[in-house]
Each structure stands twice: as C-alpha cells, then as structure tokens.
Amino acid sequence: MPLDLIFTGHRYKAIGVLAEVMEHGKYDRDRINAAKELLAATKGPENMKIELDVGVSESSAVQQLNDQLAEIAGRSLKHLQAGATSLNELGALKVKDDDIIEGEYTNG
C-alpha cells in the first residue's frame, strides 16, 4: 500500500497544526514560517491533466431508431411525390396496439 494513503490522516493533521500556528503563533517569524510550510504542503501537482467529455454518446438502439425514422420519412416523401398518399393521410396515422412492444428501457 502506498505511503501516501497510509499517512493521509496524519498529513491532514499536520496541515491543521501549520494552519493553527499561522493564525495564532506568538511570533511573526513563526506565523510566516508556518504559512510558507502550509503553502508548500498544500501545493498541487505540477502537471495535472484534466479530461472532460461533453459529448453525448448514442446507444446502438437510438441509432437504429433514428435510421428507421429516416427511412420512414424517405418512403413517405416518395409516396407524396408520386401522389400515392396525402399529408392528411400521413398525419392521421395512429399507432396500433399490435405495434407496441412491451419491455424496459435502459439508459446505457
């Protein structure tokens, strides 16, 4: 086990002692030295790499649904252009009970 992990509690106690001396030390010299040590002890890593992924990743199910909707829209457009259907017919389409699939949605 790394020593950093083993002595983490003691490290925080030592930093607390330095903060106490910095605030309430009897002499300016002691307060200044405690402040310097406190700054050195709490200094962060020199090189810190932070990665942030802001993008939204789509699952394959969402991609398949988008593909199917695009295909339906393309077919509907072809039927409209050929005069085989009208906007009223397309807008009046209802979902049939047979088309509903029972199941659970998992966000993954």
PDB file of N, CA and C in Angstrom:
ATOM      1  N   MET A   1       0.851  -1.169   0.000  1.00  0.00           N
ATOM      2  CA  MET A   1       0.000   0.000   0.000  1.00  0.00           C
ATOM      3  C   MET A   1       0.900   1.237   0.000  1.00  0.00           C
ATOM      4  N   PRO A   2       0.589   2.225  -0.849  1.00  0.00           N
ATOM      5  CA  PRO A   2       1.427   3.423  -0.915  1.00  0.00           C
ATOM      6  C   PRO A   2       1.411   4.203   0.400  1.00  0.00           C
ATOM      7  N   LEU A   3       2.554   4.772   0.727  1.00  0.00           N
ATOM      8  CA  LEU A   3       2.674   5.544   1.966  1.00  0.00           C
ATOM      9  C   LEU A   3       1.758   6.758   1.976  1.00  0.00           C
ATOM     10  N   ASP A   4       1.510   7.328   0.805  1.00  0.00           N
ATOM     11  CA  ASP A   4       0.605   8.479   0.740  1.00  0.00           C
ATOM     12  C   ASP A   4      -0.753   8.124   1.316  1.00  0.00           C
ATOM     13  N   LEU A   5      -1.223   6.927   1.006  1.00  0.00           N
ATOM     14  CA  LEU A   5      -2.531   6.512   1.508  1.00  0.00           C
ATOM     15  C   LEU A   5      -2.492   6.197   3.000  1.00  0.00           C
ATOM     16  N   ILE A   6      -1.419   5.584   3.433  1.00  0.00           N
ATOM     17  CA  ILE A   6      -1.307   5.192   4.836  1.00  0.00           C
ATOM     18  C   ILE A   6      -1.287   6.416   5.750  1.00  0.00           C
ATOM     19  N   PHE A   7      -0.571   7.460   5.359  1.00  0.00           N
ATOM     20  CA  PHE A   7      -0.380   8.619   6.226  1.00  0.00           C
ATOM     21  C   PHE A   7      -1.234   9.827   5.840  1.00  0.00           C
ATOM     22  N   THR A   8      -2.287   9.598   5.080  1.00  0.00           N
ATOM     23  CA  THR A   8      -3.142  10.710   4.667  1.00  0.00           C
ATOM     24  C   THR A   8      -3.736  11.439   5.862  1.00  0.00           C
ATOM     25  N   GLY A   9      -4.225  10.695   6.858  1.00  0.00           N
ATOM     26  CA  GLY A   9      -4.813  11.319   8.052  1.00  0.00           C
ATOM     27  C   GLY A   9      -3.814  12.169   8.801  1.00  0.00           C
ATOM     28  N   HIS A  10      -2.590  11.673   8.944  1.00  0.00           N
ATOM     29  CA  HIS A  10      -1.550  12.428   9.642  1.00  0.00           C
ATOM     30  C   HIS A  10      -1.165  13.680   8.853  1.00  0.00           C
ATOM     31  N   ARG A  11      -1.181  13.544   7.554  1.00  0.00           N
ATOM     32  CA  ARG A  11      -0.852  14.702   6.703  1.00  0.00           C
ATOM     33  C   ARG A  11      -1.858  15.823   6.945  1.00  0.00           C
ATOM     34  N   TYR A  12      -3.133  15.470   7.009  1.00  0.00           N
ATOM     35  CA  TYR A  12      -4.162  16.492   7.253  1.00  0.00           C
ATOM     36  C   TYR A  12      -4.024  17.101   8.644  1.00  0.00           C
ATOM     37  N   LYS A  13      -3.651  16.279   9.629  1.00  0.00           N
ATOM     38  CA  LYS A  13      -3.420  16.811  10.980  1.00  0.00           C
ATOM     39  C   LYS A  13      -2.255  17.793  10.986  1.00  0.00           C
ATOM     40  N   ALA A  14      -1.179  17.440  10.286  1.00  0.00           N
ATOM     41  CA  ALA A  14      -0.009  18.317  10.220  1.00  0.00           C
ATOM     42  C   ALA A  14      -0.359  19.643   9.541  1.00  0.00           C
ATOM     43  N   ILE A  15      -1.151  19.563   8.505  1.00  0.00           N
ATOM     44  CA  ILE A  15      -1.579  20.793   7.824  1.00  0.00           C
ATOM     45  C   ILE A  15      -2.434  21.633   8.774  1.00  0.00           C
ATOM     46  N   GLY A  16      -3.260  20.957   9.585  1.00  0.00           N
ATOM     47  CA  GLY A  16      -4.062  21.678  10.579  1.00  0.00           C
ATOM     48  C   GLY A  16      -3.200  22.384  11.607  1.00  0.00           C
ATOM     49  N   VAL A  17      -2.131  21.712  12.042  1.00  0.00           N
ATOM     50  CA  VAL A  17      -1.212  22.324  13.001  1.00  0.00           C
ATOM     51  C   VAL A  17      -0.544  23.551  12.381  1.00  0.00           C
ATOM     52  N   LEU A  18      -0.097  23.429  11.129  1.00  0.00           N
ATOM     53  CA  LEU A  18       0.515  24.576  10.452  1.00  0.00           C
ATOM     54  C   LEU A  18      -0.468  25.735  10.345  1.00  0.00           C
ATOM     55  N   ALA A  19      -1.710  25.433  10.026  1.00  0.00           N
ATOM     56  CA  ALA A  19      -2.715  26.490   9.915  1.00  0.00           C
ATOM     57  C   ALA A  19      -2.940  27.158  11.271  1.00  0.00           C
ATOM     58  N   GLU A  20      -2.964  26.361  12.327  1.00  0.00           N
ATOM     59  CA  GLU A  20      -3.153  26.910  13.675  1.00  0.00           C
ATOM     60  C   GLU A  20      -1.998  27.839  14.052  1.00  0.00           C
ATOM     61  N   VAL A  21      -0.758  27.395  13.798  1.00  0.00           N
ATOM     62  CA  VAL A  21       0.416  28.223  14.116  1.00  0.00           C
ATOM     63  C   VAL A  21       0.412  29.481  13.256  1.00  0.00           C
ATOM     64  N   MET A  22       0.048  29.364  11.999  1.00  0.00           N
ATOM     65  CA  MET A  22      -0.004  30.522  11.103  1.00  0.00           C
ATOM     66  C   MET A  22      -0.999  31.560  11.635  1.00  0.00           C
ATOM     67  N   GLU A  23      -2.108  31.120  12.189  1.00  0.00           N
ATOM     68  CA  GLU A  23      -3.132  32.046  12.675  1.00  0.00           C
ATOM     69  C   GLU A  23      -2.817  32.586  14.067  1.00  0.00           C
ATOM     70  N   HIS A  24      -2.295  31.724  14.938  1.00  0.00           N
ATOM     71  CA  HIS A  24      -2.200  32.109  16.345  1.00  0.00           C
ATOM     72  C   HIS A  24      -0.785  32.030  16.913  1.00  0.00           C
ATOM     73  N   GLY A  25       0.228  31.988  16.049  1.00  0.00           N
ATOM     74  CA  GLY A  25       1.610  31.914  16.533  1.00  0.00           C
ATOM     75  C   GLY A  25       1.980  33.155  17.325  1.00  0.00           C
ATOM     76  N   LYS A  26       2.860  32.967  18.330  1.00  0.00           N
ATOM     77  CA  LYS A  26       3.251  34.078  19.211  1.00  0.00           C
ATOM     78  C   LYS A  26       4.125  35.087  18.481  1.00  0.00           C
ATOM     79  N   TYR A  27       4.997  34.603  17.601  1.00  0.00           N
ATOM     80  CA  TYR A  27       5.920  35.495  16.914  1.00  0.00           C
ATOM     81  C   TYR A  27       5.603  35.543  15.422  1.00  0.00           C
ATOM     82  N   ASP A  28       5.884  36.696  14.825  1.00  0.00           N
ATOM     83  CA  ASP A  28       5.672  36.849  13.376  1.00  0.00           C
ATOM     84  C   ASP A  28       6.475  35.819  12.595  1.00  0.00           C
ATOM     85  N   ARG A  29       7.718  35.588  13.054  1.00  0.00           N
ATOM     86  CA  ARG A  29       8.591  34.628  12.390  1.00  0.00           C
ATOM     87  C   ARG A  29       7.939  33.245  12.333  1.00  0.00           C
ATOM     88  N   ASP A  30       7.323  32.815  13.427  1.00  0.00           N
ATOM     89  CA  ASP A  30       6.666  31.504  13.471  1.00  0.00           C
ATOM     90  C   ASP A  30       5.455  31.475  12.542  1.00  0.00           C
ATOM     91  N   ARG A  31       4.676  32.543  12.518  1.00  0.00           N
ATOM     92  CA  ARG A  31       3.499  32.599  11.648  1.00  0.00           C
ATOM     93  C   ARG A  31       3.908  32.568  10.176  1.00  0.00           C
ATOM     94  N   ILE A  32       4.974  33.312   9.849  1.00  0.00           N
ATOM     95  CA  ILE A  32       5.447  33.348   8.464  1.00  0.00           C
ATOM     96  C   ILE A  32       5.987  31.977   8.045  1.00  0.00           C
ATOM     97  N   ASN A  33       6.775  31.346   8.886  1.00  0.00           N
ATOM     98  CA  ASN A  33       7.320  30.020   8.564  1.00  0.00           C
ATOM     99  C   ASN A  33       6.197  28.987   8.416  1.00  0.00           C
ATOM    100  N   ALA A  34       5.198  29.063   9.298  1.00  0.00           N
ATOM    101  CA  ALA A  34       4.075  28.135   9.208  1.00  0.00           C
ATOM    102  C   ALA A  34       3.303  28.369   7.911  1.00  0.00           C
ATOM    103  N   ALA A  35       3.136  29.629   7.524  1.00  0.00           N
ATOM    104  CA  ALA A  35       2.429  29.943   6.275  1.00  0.00           C
ATOM    105  C   ALA A  35       3.194  29.392   5.080  1.00  0.00           C
ATOM    106  N   LYS A  36       4.531  29.566   5.078  1.00  0.00           N
ATOM    107  CA  LYS A  36       5.350  29.040   3.981  1.00  0.00           C
ATOM    108  C   LYS A  36       5.231  27.516   3.906  1.00  0.00           C
ATOM    109  N   GLU A  37       5.340  26.851   5.051  1.00  0.00           N
ATOM    110  CA  GLU A  37       5.244  25.392   5.075  1.00  0.00           C
ATOM    111  C   GLU A  37       3.853  24.920   4.648  1.00  0.00           C
ATOM    112  N   LEU A  38       2.851  25.666   5.063  1.00  0.00           N
ATOM    113  CA  LEU A  38       1.483  25.319   4.685  1.00  0.00           C
ATOM    114  C   LEU A  38       1.296  25.419   3.180  1.00  0.00           C
ATOM    115  N   LEU A  39       1.828  26.490   2.593  1.00  0.00           N
ATOM    116  CA  LEU A  39       1.742  26.642   1.135  1.00  0.00           C
ATOM    117  C   LEU A  39       2.493  25.521   0.418  1.00  0.00           C
ATOM    118  N   ALA A  40       3.639  25.149   0.929  1.00  0.00           N
ATOM    119  CA  ALA A  40       4.422  24.070   0.308  1.00  0.00           C
ATOM    120  C   ALA A  40       3.723  22.717   0.463  1.00  0.00           C
ATOM    121  N   ALA A  41       3.092  22.497   1.620  1.00  0.00           N
ATOM    122  CA  ALA A  41       2.438  21.208   1.871  1.00  0.00           C
ATOM    123  C   ALA A  41       1.162  21.045   1.065  1.00  0.00           C
ATOM    124  N   THR A  42       0.514  22.132   0.743  1.00  0.00           N
ATOM    125  CA  THR A  42      -0.763  22.034   0.042  1.00  0.00           C
ATOM    126  C   THR A  42      -0.634  22.331  -1.441  1.00  0.00           C
ATOM    127  N   LYS A  43       0.593  22.428  -1.899  1.00  0.00           N
ATOM    128  CA  LYS A  43       0.806  22.681  -3.316  1.00  0.00           C
ATOM    129  C   LYS A  43       0.334  21.485  -4.134  1.00  0.00           C
ATOM    130  N   GLY A  44      -0.425  21.761  -5.183  1.00  0.00           N
ATOM    131  CA  GLY A  44      -0.951  20.701  -6.031  1.00  0.00           C
ATOM    132  C   GLY A  44       0.117  20.138  -6.936  1.00  0.00           C
ATOM    133  N   PRO A  45      -0.221  19.134  -7.698  1.00  0.00           N
ATOM    134  CA  PRO A  45       0.750  18.539  -8.625  1.00  0.00           C
ATOM    135  C   PRO A  45       1.153  19.531  -9.706  1.00  0.00           C
ATOM    136  N   GLU A  46       2.386  19.408 -10.152  1.00  0.00           N
ATOM    137  CA  GLU A  46       2.912  20.301 -11.177  1.00  0.00           C
ATOM    138  C   GLU A  46       2.135  20.176 -12.486  1.00  0.00           C
ATOM    139  N   ASN A  47       1.994  18.949 -12.930  1.00  0.00           N
ATOM    140  CA  ASN A  47       1.314  18.701 -14.194  1.00  0.00           C
ATOM    141  C   ASN A  47       0.034  17.930 -13.921  1.00  0.00           C
ATOM    142  N   MET A  48      -1.058  18.586 -14.161  1.00  0.00           N
ATOM    143  CA  MET A  48      -2.334  17.922 -13.954  1.00  0.00           C
ATOM    144  C   MET A  48      -3.062  17.875 -15.284  1.00  0.00           C
ATOM    145  N   LYS A  49      -3.514  16.695 -15.638  1.00  0.00           N
ATOM    146  CA  LYS A  49      -4.219  16.529 -16.897  1.00  0.00           C
ATOM    147  C   LYS A  49      -5.687  16.295 -16.577  1.00  0.00           C
ATOM    148  N   ILE A  50      -6.527  17.126 -17.150  1.00  0.00           N
ATOM    149  CA  ILE A  50      -7.965  17.002 -16.933  1.00  0.00           C
ATOM    150  C   ILE A  50      -8.617  16.720 -18.266  1.00  0.00           C
ATOM    151  N   GLU A  51      -9.432  15.673 -18.295  1.00  0.00           N
ATOM    152  CA  GLU A  51     -10.178  15.342 -19.499  1.00  0.00           C
ATOM    153  C   GLU A  51     -11.656  15.485 -19.195  1.00  0.00           C
ATOM    154  N   LEU A  52     -12.347  16.115 -20.118  1.00  0.00           N
ATOM    155  CA  LEU A  52     -13.772  16.317 -19.945  1.00  0.00           C
ATOM    156  C   LEU A  52     -14.470  15.944 -21.233  1.00  0.00           C
ATOM    157  N   ASP A  53     -15.349  14.981 -21.140  1.00  0.00           N
ATOM    158  CA  ASP A  53     -16.100  14.538 -22.309  1.00  0.00           C
ATOM    159  C   ASP A  53     -17.494  15.131 -22.212  1.00  0.00           C
ATOM    160  N   VAL A  54     -17.776  16.099 -23.054  1.00  0.00           N
ATOM    161  CA  VAL A  54     -19.050  16.791 -23.011  1.00  0.00           C
ATOM    162  C   VAL A  54     -20.020  16.208 -24.022  1.00  0.00           C
ATOM    163  N   GLY A  55     -19.522  15.428 -24.942  1.00  0.00           N
ATOM    164  CA  GLY A  55     -20.358  14.866 -25.992  1.00  0.00           C
ATOM    165  C   GLY A  55     -21.378  13.887 -25.447  1.00  0.00           C
ATOM    166  N   VAL A  56     -22.444  13.750 -26.169  1.00  0.00           N
ATOM    167  CA  VAL A  56     -23.486  12.797 -25.813  1.00  0.00           C
ATOM    168  C   VAL A  56     -23.317  11.580 -26.707  1.00  0.00           C
ATOM    169  N   SER A  57     -23.126  10.443 -26.096  1.00  0.00           N
ATOM    170  CA  SER A  57     -22.935   9.240 -26.894  1.00  0.00           C
ATOM    171  C   SER A  57     -24.282   8.551 -27.074  1.00  0.00           C
ATOM    172  N   GLU A  58     -24.517   8.105 -28.285  1.00  0.00           N
ATOM    173  CA  GLU A  58     -25.768   7.428 -28.588  1.00  0.00           C
ATOM    174  C   GLU A  58     -25.572   5.925 -28.492  1.00  0.00           C
ATOM    175  N   SER A  59     -26.568   5.274 -27.976  1.00  0.00           N
ATOM    176  CA  SER A  59     -26.503   3.817 -27.961  1.00  0.00           C
ATOM    177  C   SER A  59     -26.893   3.309 -29.345  1.00  0.00           C
ATOM    178  N   SER A  60     -26.636   2.060 -29.596  1.00  0.00           N
ATOM    179  CA  SER A  60     -26.968   1.497 -30.903  1.00  0.00           C
ATOM    180  C   SER A  60     -28.477   1.479 -31.105  1.00  0.00           C
ATOM    181  N   ALA A  61     -29.244   1.327 -30.020  1.00  0.00           N
ATOM    182  CA  ALA A  61     -30.707   1.320 -30.145  1.00  0.00           C
ATOM    183  C   ALA A  61     -31.217   2.672 -30.623  1.00  0.00           C
ATOM    184  N   VAL A  62     -30.650   3.740 -30.091  1.00  0.00           N
ATOM    185  CA  VAL A  62     -31.065   5.088 -30.508  1.00  0.00           C
ATOM    186  C   VAL A  62     -30.677   5.310 -31.965  1.00  0.00           C
ATOM    187  N   GLN A  63     -29.500   4.848 -32.344  1.00  0.00           N
ATOM    188  CA  GLN A  63     -29.064   5.000 -33.732  1.00  0.00           C
ATOM    189  C   GLN A  63     -29.965   4.211 -34.675  1.00  0.00           C
ATOM    190  N   GLN A  64     -30.351   3.002 -34.291  1.00  0.00           N
ATOM    191  CA  GLN A  64     -31.259   2.203 -35.118  1.00  0.00           C
ATOM    192  C   GLN A  64     -32.611   2.891 -35.257  1.00  0.00           C
ATOM    193  N   LEU A  65     -33.109   3.467 -34.174  1.00  0.00           N
ATOM    194  CA  LEU A  65     -34.382   4.179 -34.224  1.00  0.00           C
ATOM    195  C   LEU A  65     -34.288   5.378 -35.160  1.00  0.00           C
ATOM    196  N   ASN A  66     -33.214   6.114 -35.071  1.00  0.00           N
ATOM    197  CA  ASN A  66     -33.015   7.259 -35.969  1.00  0.00           C
ATOM    198  C   ASN A  66     -32.946   6.816 -37.426  1.00  0.00           C
ATOM    199  N   ASP A  67     -32.269   5.709 -37.683  1.00  0.00           N
ATOM    200  CA  ASP A  67     -32.195   5.176 -39.050  1.00  0.00           C
ATOM    201  C   ASP A  67     -33.574   4.778 -39.566  1.00  0.00           C
ATOM    202  N   GLN A  68     -34.362   4.117 -38.702  1.00  0.00           N
ATOM    203  CA  GLN A  68     -35.708   3.704 -39.104  1.00  0.00           C
ATOM    204  C   GLN A  68     -36.601   4.909 -39.383  1.00  0.00           C
ATOM    205  N   LEU A  69     -36.505   5.936 -38.538  1.00  0.00           N
ATOM    206  CA  LEU A  69     -37.309   7.142 -38.757  1.00  0.00           C
ATOM    207  C   LEU A  69     -36.916   7.839 -40.054  1.00  0.00           C
ATOM    208  N   ALA A  70     -35.626   7.856 -40.354  1.00  0.00           N
ATOM    209  CA  ALA A  70     -35.173   8.463 -41.603  1.00  0.00           C
ATOM    210  C   ALA A  70     -35.698   7.672 -42.799  1.00  0.00           C
ATOM    211  N   GLU A  71     -35.717   6.351 -42.688  1.00  0.00           N
ATOM    212  CA  GLU A  71     -36.224   5.508 -43.769  1.00  0.00           C
ATOM    213  C   GLU A  71     -37.727   5.737 -43.974  1.00  0.00           C
ATOM    214  N   ILE A  72     -38.475   5.813 -42.887  1.00  0.00           N
ATOM    215  CA  ILE A  72     -39.916   6.072 -42.981  1.00  0.00           C
ATOM    216  C   ILE A  72     -40.177   7.428 -43.613  1.00  0.00           C
ATOM    217  N   ALA A  73     -39.399   8.435 -43.209  1.00  0.00           N
ATOM    218  CA  ALA A  73     -39.567   9.770 -43.775  1.00  0.00           C
ATOM    219  C   ALA A  73     -39.267   9.757 -45.277  1.00  0.00           C
ATOM    220  N   GLY A  74     -38.236   9.016 -45.685  1.00  0.00           N
ATOM    221  CA  GLY A  74     -37.898   8.915 -47.108  1.00  0.00           C
ATOM    222  C   GLY A  74     -39.007   8.245 -47.910  1.00  0.00           C
ATOM    223  N   ARG A  75     -39.556   7.155 -47.370  1.00  0.00           N
ATOM    224  CA  ARG A  75     -40.664   6.475 -48.055  1.00  0.00           C
ATOM    225  C   ARG A  75     -41.888   7.381 -48.160  1.00  0.00           C
ATOM    226  N   SER A  76     -42.175   8.084 -47.064  1.00  0.00           N
ATOM    227  CA  SER A  76     -43.339   8.981 -47.070  1.00  0.00           C
ATOM    228  C   SER A  76     -43.168  10.071 -48.110  1.00  0.00           C
ATOM    229  N   LEU A  77     -41.975  10.616 -48.218  1.00  0.00           N
ATOM    230  CA  LEU A  77     -41.709  11.646 -49.215  1.00  0.00           C
ATOM    231  C   LEU A  77     -41.910  11.106 -50.627  1.00  0.00           C
ATOM    232  N   LYS A  78     -41.441   9.883 -50.890  1.00  0.00           N
ATOM    233  CA  LYS A  78     -41.623   9.275 -52.217  1.00  0.00           C
ATOM    234  C   LYS A  78     -43.101   9.075 -52.528  1.00  0.00           C
ATOM    235  N   HIS A  79     -43.872   8.610 -51.545  1.00  0.00           N
ATOM    236  CA  HIS A  79     -45.317   8.429 -51.745  1.00  0.00           C
ATOM    237  C   HIS A  79     -46.006   9.766 -52.005  1.00  0.00           C
ATOM    238  N   LEU A  80     -45.577  10.807 -51.293  1.00  0.00           N
ATOM    239  CA  LEU A  80     -46.160  12.135 -51.518  1.00  0.00           C
ATOM    240  C   LEU A  80     -45.842  12.640 -52.916  1.00  0.00           C
ATOM    241  N   GLN A  81     -44.601  12.478 -53.345  1.00  0.00           N
ATOM    242  CA  GLN A  81     -44.194  12.963 -54.663  1.00  0.00           C
ATOM    243  C   GLN A  81     -44.883  12.173 -55.772  1.00  0.00           C
ATOM    244  N   ALA A  82     -45.140  10.899 -55.538  1.00  0.00           N
ATOM    245  CA  ALA A  82     -45.801  10.064 -56.548  1.00  0.00           C
ATOM    246  C   ALA A  82     -47.317  10.260 -56.528  1.00  0.00           C
ATOM    247  N   GLY A  83     -47.815  10.950 -55.520  1.00  0.00           N
ATOM    248  CA  GLY A  83     -49.252  11.162 -55.414  1.00  0.00           C
ATOM    249  C   GLY A  83     -49.988   9.963 -54.849  1.00  0.00           C
ATOM    250  N   ALA A  84     -49.274   9.013 -54.290  1.00  0.00           N
ATOM    251  CA  ALA A  84     -49.898   7.807 -53.756  1.00  0.00           C
ATOM    252  C   ALA A  84     -50.530   8.043 -52.390  1.00  0.00           C
ATOM    253  N   THR A  85     -50.180   9.128 -51.748  1.00  0.00           N
ATOM    254  CA  THR A  85     -50.733   9.451 -50.431  1.00  0.00           C
ATOM    255  C   THR A  85     -50.790  10.965 -50.279  1.00  0.00           C
ATOM    256  N   SER A  86     -51.427  11.427 -49.223  1.00  0.00           N
ATOM    257  CA  SER A  86     -51.521  12.867 -48.973  1.00  0.00           C
ATOM    258  C   SER A  86     -51.022  13.164 -47.565  1.00  0.00           C
ATOM    259  N   LEU A  87     -50.784  14.439 -47.309  1.00  0.00           N
ATOM    260  CA  LEU A  87     -50.337  14.832 -45.975  1.00  0.00           C
ATOM    261  C   LEU A  87     -51.394  14.512 -44.931  1.00  0.00           C
ATOM    262  N   ASN A  88     -52.668  14.609 -45.310  1.00  0.00           N
ATOM    263  CA  ASN A  88     -53.742  14.278 -44.366  1.00  0.00           C
ATOM    264  C   ASN A  88     -53.672  12.820 -43.950  1.00  0.00           C
ATOM    265  N   GLU A  89     -53.396  11.929 -44.896  1.00  0.00           N
ATOM    266  CA  GLU A  89     -53.290  10.517 -44.565  1.00  0.00           C
ATOM    267  C   GLU A  89     -52.094  10.250 -43.662  1.00  0.00           C
ATOM    268  N   LEU A  90     -50.960  10.857 -43.995  1.00  0.00           N
ATOM    269  CA  LEU A  90     -49.759  10.646 -43.185  1.00  0.00           C
ATOM    270  C   LEU A  90     -49.938  11.211 -41.778  1.00  0.00           C
ATOM    271  N   GLY A  91     -50.577  12.361 -41.675  1.00  0.00           N
ATOM    272  CA  GLY A  91     -50.772  12.980 -40.370  1.00  0.00           C
ATOM    273  C   GLY A  91     -51.791  12.251 -39.521  1.00  0.00           C
ATOM    274  N   ALA A  92     -52.658  11.468 -40.144  1.00  0.00           N
ATOM    275  CA  ALA A  92     -53.710  10.762 -39.415  1.00  0.00           C
ATOM    276  C   ALA A  92     -53.290   9.363 -38.990  1.00  0.00           C
ATOM    277  N   LEU A  93     -52.048   8.988 -39.265  1.00  0.00           N
ATOM    278  CA  LEU A  93     -51.598   7.642 -38.887  1.00  0.00           C
ATOM    279  C   LEU A  93     -51.573   7.512 -37.368  1.00  0.00           C
ATOM    280  N   LYS A  94     -52.087   6.434 -36.878  1.00  0.00           N
ATOM    281  CA  LYS A  94     -52.116   6.158 -35.442  1.00  0.00           C
ATOM    282  C   LYS A  94     -51.317   4.882 -35.175  1.00  0.00           C
ATOM    283  N   VAL A  95     -50.766   4.787 -33.990  1.00  0.00           N
ATOM    284  CA  VAL A  95     -50.044   3.583 -33.592  1.00  0.00           C
ATOM    285  C   VAL A  95     -51.065   2.528 -33.203  1.00  0.00           C
ATOM    286  N   LYS A  96     -50.929   1.344 -33.771  1.00  0.00           N
ATOM    287  CA  LYS A  96     -51.833   0.238 -33.452  1.00  0.00           C
ATOM    288  C   LYS A  96     -51.317  -0.476 -32.213  1.00  0.00           C
ATOM    289  N   ASP A  97     -52.240  -1.067 -31.465  1.00  0.00           N
ATOM    290  CA  ASP A  97     -51.843  -1.810 -30.269  1.00  0.00           C
ATOM    291  C   ASP A  97     -50.897  -2.950 -30.614  1.00  0.00           C
ATOM    292  N   ASP A  98     -51.037  -3.515 -31.813  1.00  0.00           N
ATOM    293  CA  ASP A  98     -50.159  -4.616 -32.236  1.00  0.00           C
ATOM    294  C   ASP A  98     -48.711  -4.156 -32.406  1.00  0.00           C
ATOM    295  N   ASP A  99     -48.520  -2.851 -32.672  1.00  0.00           N
ATOM    296  CA  ASP A  99     -47.177  -2.322 -32.925  1.00  0.00           C
ATOM    297  C   ASP A  99     -46.414  -2.009 -31.638  1.00  0.00           C
ATOM    298  N   ILE A 100     -47.106  -2.001 -30.512  1.00  0.00           N
ATOM    299  CA  ILE A 100     -46.459  -1.649 -29.242  1.00  0.00           C
ATOM    300  C   ILE A 100     -45.783  -2.888 -28.675  1.00  0.00           C
ATOM    301  N   ILE A 101     -44.523  -2.747 -28.351  1.00  0.00           N
ATOM    302  CA  ILE A 101     -43.739  -3.848 -27.786  1.00  0.00           C
ATOM    303  C   ILE A 101     -43.497  -3.535 -26.316  1.00  0.00           C
ATOM    304  N   GLU A 102     -43.882  -4.433 -25.459  1.00  0.00           N
ATOM    305  CA  GLU A 102     -43.675  -4.228 -24.011  1.00  0.00           C
ATOM    306  C   GLU A 102     -42.234  -4.537 -23.674  1.00  0.00           C
ATOM    307  N   GLY A 103     -41.680  -3.785 -22.772  1.00  0.00           N
ATOM    308  CA  GLY A 103     -40.314  -4.031 -22.351  1.00  0.00           C
ATOM    309  C   GLY A 103     -39.846  -2.910 -21.456  1.00  0.00           C
ATOM    310  N   GLU A 104     -38.577  -2.945 -21.123  1.00  0.00           N
ATOM    311  CA  GLU A 104     -37.990  -1.938 -20.270  1.00  0.00           C
ATOM    312  C   GLU A 104     -36.968  -1.155 -21.064  1.00  0.00           C
ATOM    313  N   TYR A 105     -36.898   0.113 -20.736  1.00  0.00           N
ATOM    314  CA  TYR A 105     -35.887   0.974 -21.345  1.00  0.00           C
ATOM    315  C   TYR A 105     -34.736   1.097 -20.357  1.00  0.00           C
ATOM    316  N   THR A 106     -33.540   0.828 -20.849  1.00  0.00           N
ATOM    317  CA  THR A 106     -32.355   1.019 -20.012  1.00  0.00           C
ATOM    318  C   THR A 106     -31.490   2.052 -20.677  1.00  0.00           C
ATOM    319  N   ASN A 107     -31.065   3.006 -19.895  1.00  0.00           N
ATOM    320  CA  ASN A 107     -30.202   4.069 -20.410  1.00  0.00           C
ATOM    321  C   ASN A 107     -28.766   3.603 -20.271  1.00  0.00           C
ATOM    322  N   GLY A 108     -28.149   3.256 -21.359  1.00  0.00           N
ATOM    323  CA  GLY A 108     -26.800   2.711 -21.255  1.00  0.00           C
ATOM    324  C   GLY A 108     -25.978   3.220 -22.272  1.00  0.00           C
TER     325      GLY A 108
END
